[in-house]
C-alpha atoms as a PDB file:
ATOM      1  CA  MET A   1     -99.066-137.273  34.933  1.00  0.00           C
ATOM      2  CA  LYS A   2    -101.168-140.278  33.942  1.00  0.00           C
ATOM      3  CA  TRP A   3    -101.224-143.807  35.363  1.00  0.00           C
ATOM      4  CA  ALA A   4    -100.631-146.537  32.788  1.00  0.00           C
ATOM      5  CA  ARG A   5     -99.750-150.180  32.135  1.00  0.00           C
ATOM      6  CA  VAL A   6     -97.263-150.659  29.344  1.00  0.00           C
ATOM      7  CA  GLN A   7     -95.419-153.518  27.708  1.00  0.00           C
ATOM      8  CA  SER A   8     -91.821-153.269  26.549  1.00  0.00           C
ATOM      9  CA  GLU A   9     -90.376-154.841  23.404  1.00  0.00           C
ATOM     10  CA  ASP A  10     -89.332-157.929  25.405  1.00  0.00           C
ATOM     11  CA  GLU A  11     -92.944-158.239  26.661  1.00  0.00           C
ATOM     12  CA  THR A  12     -92.175-157.139  30.231  1.00  0.00           C
ATOM     13  CA  VAL A  13     -95.195-155.398  31.746  1.00  0.00           C
ATOM     14  CA  PHE A  14     -94.606-152.233  33.753  1.00  0.00           C
ATOM     15  CA  VAL A  15     -97.002-150.129  35.800  1.00  0.00           C
ATOM     16  CA  GLY A  16     -96.230-146.487  36.322  1.00  0.00           C
ATOM     17  CA  VAL A  17     -96.904-142.976  35.170  1.00  0.00           C
ATOM     18  CA  ILE A  18     -96.629-141.203  31.839  1.00  0.00           C
ATOM     19  CA  VAL A  19     -95.000-137.788  32.028  1.00  0.00           C
ATOM     20  CA  ASN A  20     -94.847-135.937  28.705  1.00  0.00           C
ATOM     21  CA  ASP A  21     -93.480-138.583  26.288  1.00  0.00           C
ATOM     22  CA  THR A  22     -91.697-140.706  28.880  1.00  0.00           C
ATOM     23  CA  PHE A  23     -92.812-143.538  31.126  1.00  0.00           C
ATOM     24  CA  GLU A  24     -91.618-143.964  34.710  1.00  0.00           C
ATOM     25  CA  PRO A  25     -92.157-147.370  36.393  1.00  0.00           C
ATOM     26  CA  ARG A  26     -93.573-147.034  39.909  1.00  0.00           C
ATOM     27  CA  ALA A  27     -93.451-149.891  42.425  1.00  0.00           C
ATOM     28  CA  ASP A  28     -96.183-148.296  44.521  1.00  0.00           C
ATOM     29  CA  LEU A  29     -98.580-148.766  41.612  1.00  0.00           C
ATOM     30  CA  GLY A  30     -97.936-152.497  41.446  1.00  0.00           C
ATOM     31  CA  SER A  31     -95.145-152.797  38.898  1.00  0.00           C
ATOM     32  CA  ASP A  32     -93.181-156.047  39.184  1.00  0.00           C
ATOM     33  CA  HIS A  33     -90.076-154.020  38.537  1.00  0.00           C
ATOM     34  CA  VAL A  34     -89.590-151.903  41.625  1.00  0.00           C
ATOM     35  CA  THR A  35     -87.615-149.222  39.911  1.00  0.00           C
ATOM     36  CA  GLY A  36     -86.560-148.895  36.352  1.00  0.00           C
ATOM     37  CA  PRO A  37     -85.229-146.469  33.860  1.00  0.00           C
ATOM     38  CA  ILE A  38     -87.451-143.729  32.555  1.00  0.00           C
ATOM     39  CA  MET A  39     -88.433-145.035  29.127  1.00  0.00           C
ATOM     40  CA  ASP A  40     -89.473-143.416  25.868  1.00  0.00           C
ATOM     41  CA  MET A  41     -93.168-144.022  25.131  1.00  0.00           C
ATOM     42  CA  ASN A  42     -92.303-144.663  21.459  1.00  0.00           C
ATOM     43  CA  THR A  43     -90.698-147.989  22.445  1.00  0.00           C
ATOM     44  CA  LEU A  44     -93.623-149.160  24.600  1.00  0.00           C
ATOM     45  CA  LYS A  45     -97.069-150.582  23.917  1.00  0.00           C
ATOM     46  CA  LEU A  46     -99.878-149.144  26.033  1.00  0.00           C
ATOM     47  CA  LEU A  47    -102.021-151.853  27.676  1.00  0.00           C
ATOM     48  CA  PRO A  48    -105.611-151.484  28.844  1.00  0.00           C
ATOM     49  CA  PRO A  49    -106.050-150.995  32.611  1.00  0.00           C
ATOM     50  CA  VAL A  50    -106.986-154.107  34.615  1.00  0.00           C
END
């Protein structure tokens, strides 16, 4: 499990954890989107940590 900031195709930024090849948004890590679907990492762009 690895903490990450990612950007979706519509440029929404999510904060969460990477588990295997999926990304899970986590509100407790500061994501604007409290909960969200578990997303495929292939559709996301990894952003540098702030």
